[in-house]
Amino acid sequence: MASDFAKAKAAIESKDAEIEKSKRVALDKAKEMIAERNRYHREHKQGAESIKGLEGELEAARSKIDRSEAEKTEEA
């Protein structure tokens, strides 16, 4: 009887340990996925900001070209 109780207790403790290990693995995977999502979001945001900056530079360059061409036509 005591032997059966000890075996059952050991089995329960073993299952509890397996469950805790599974929880840790799942938590670690979730943390990795969150970190990857945050990294992607940050890179996407930086890319969008870079595009806006480049568009601004392109517009400034076009304006400068237009002014230069206007000055050349006025001189001619």
Protein backbone atom coordinates (compact mmCIF):
# COMPACT_ATOMS: atom_id res chain seq x y z
CA MET A 1 0.00 0.00 0.00
CA ALA A 2 2.72 2.46 0.97
CA SER A 3 4.66 1.31 -2.05
CA ASP A 4 1.71 2.08 -4.34
CA PHE A 5 1.38 5.51 -2.76
CA ALA A 6 5.09 6.21 -3.27
CA LYS A 7 4.88 5.08 -6.91
CA ALA A 8 1.84 7.28 -7.53
CA LYS A 9 3.52 10.24 -5.86
CA ALA A 10 6.66 9.72 -7.96
CA ALA A 11 4.55 9.49 -11.14
CA ILE A 12 2.72 12.71 -10.28
CA GLU A 13 5.98 14.52 -9.54
CA SER A 14 7.42 13.25 -12.82
CA LYS A 15 4.39 14.50 -14.76
CA ASP A 16 4.53 17.84 -12.93
CA ALA A 17 8.19 18.19 -13.92
CA GLU A 18 7.32 17.41 -17.56
CA ILE A 19 4.54 20.00 -17.50
CA GLU A 20 6.85 22.64 -16.02
CA LYS A 21 9.48 21.87 -18.66
CA SER A 22 6.86 22.19 -21.41
CA LYS A 23 5.74 25.52 -19.95
CA ARG A 24 9.33 26.82 -19.94
CA VAL A 25 9.86 25.70 -23.53
CA ALA A 26 6.61 27.36 -24.63
CA LEU A 27 7.46 30.54 -22.74
CA ASP A 28 10.94 30.67 -24.28
CA LYS A 29 9.48 30.19 -27.75
CA ALA A 30 6.89 32.90 -27.14
CA LYS A 31 9.63 35.28 -25.98
CA GLU A 32 11.65 34.54 -29.13
CA MET A 33 8.60 35.17 -31.32
CA ILE A 34 7.87 38.46 -29.56
CA ALA A 35 11.49 39.56 -29.94
CA GLU A 36 11.39 38.67 -33.65
CA ARG A 37 8.11 40.56 -34.12
CA ASN A 38 9.53 43.61 -32.32
CA ARG A 39 12.70 43.44 -34.45
CA TYR A 40 10.62 43.24 -37.64
CA HIS A 41 8.43 46.14 -36.51
CA ARG A 42 11.49 48.26 -35.68
CA GLU A 43 13.14 47.47 -39.04
CA HIS A 44 9.91 48.21 -40.90
CA LYS A 45 9.53 51.54 -39.09
CA GLN A 46 13.15 52.48 -39.82
CA GLY A 47 12.64 51.57 -43.48
CA ALA A 48 9.53 53.74 -43.70
CA GLU A 49 11.37 56.66 -42.09
CA SER A 50 14.27 56.16 -44.50
CA ILE A 51 11.89 56.22 -47.46
CA LYS A 52 10.31 59.46 -46.22
CA GLY A 53 13.76 61.02 -45.85
CA LEU A 54 14.80 59.93 -49.33
CA GLU A 55 11.55 61.23 -50.81
CA GLY A 56 12.23 64.59 -49.16
CA GLU A 57 15.76 64.66 -50.56
CA LEU A 58 14.46 63.75 -54.02
CA GLU A 59 11.88 66.54 -53.90
CA ALA A 60 14.56 69.02 -52.80
CA ALA A 61 16.82 67.90 -55.65
CA ARG A 62 13.99 68.26 -58.17
CA SER A 63 13.23 71.76 -56.90
CA LYS A 64 16.90 72.70 -57.21
CA ILE A 65 17.01 71.35 -60.77
CA ASP A 66 13.84 73.26 -61.66
CA ARG A 67 15.31 76.50 -60.25
CA SER A 68 18.57 75.97 -62.11
CA GLU A 69 16.74 75.34 -65.37
CA ALA A 70 14.56 78.41 -64.80
CA GLU A 71 17.67 80.54 -64.20
CA LYS A 72 19.30 79.20 -67.37
CA THR A 73 16.24 80.03 -69.47
CA GLU A 74 16.12 83.54 -67.97
CA GLU A 75 19.80 84.09 -68.82
CA ALA A 76 19.30 82.93 -72.39
